[in-house]
Amino acid sequence: MLDFHNHLLPGIDDGSPDVETSLMLFRGMADLGFTDIICTPHIIADTHPNNPETIQNAAQFLKSEAQKLGVNLDFRIAAEYMLDDTFQHALSTKQPLLKLHKNRILVEFSYIQKPSRVENFSFDLQIAGYEPVLAHPERYMYYHKELGYYEHLKDLGFELQLNLLSLTPYYGKEVQKVANHLLKNKLYDFACTDMHHARHLEAMKAHFTAASLQKLYDDFGLKNAELAAV
């Protein structure tokens, strides 16, 4: 199985703080059946001002430190882009973006404020040749009263990525309710862990096994495997 939304690189965002934690999380992901990992640190101007260089450096550092411990880590890198003014500038100036696979990129909205330029972002991304994958749409509370908007997002060209723990009470019952609605109506294209820390790993292991995750992907036609390395 493939996971393309997680925060396993050390010391670069609100995910793993150090190499030891990163290695623990990688082991846990393997226990859950994930054999293909794409690491996606946040790129958010105000809090996590990463770029391709800082992400590549963090990846190289983790691989180097792991190798010293006799651990061979095999993973790829991309990013989770906040759709904000900084991203808009990067897009308009044709700065290189870190892609998941081919032309797909992982994007997110603010949890706090409903985005006002969704249509513009969608248009600009597609004109630039990108296919946006929207991270954890079920966690944007401002859409919970207008469930039909999720279909509008799909019509705009966004593929939707479920946070697996949203199917449990981890983020709250309202998020769980919306996640199950979207899953039942087959609006999700992908499902990932959004793994940040040991609490996420413990919750994942409490609710899922490698077999149950594979069944979920198969039963709902989730397309994670399409992003596998070739």
Foldseek 3Di string as FASTA:
>chain_A
DEFEAAALQACQALFHPDLVFSVVVVVLVVQQPHPAYEHAEECDPPGGPDDPVVQVVSVVVSQVVCVVVVDHDDYHYFYEYEPDPVVVVCLVVVPDHGALADQEHHYEYDLPDDDDCLLVVLVSSVVSPHQYEYEAPLSNVVCLVPLVVLVVSVVSRYAYEHAVCLCDCPVHDSSNVSSVVCQVVLRHQYYHHRHGGPVSSVSCVVPHHNVRVVVSCVVSVHDSVVSDDD
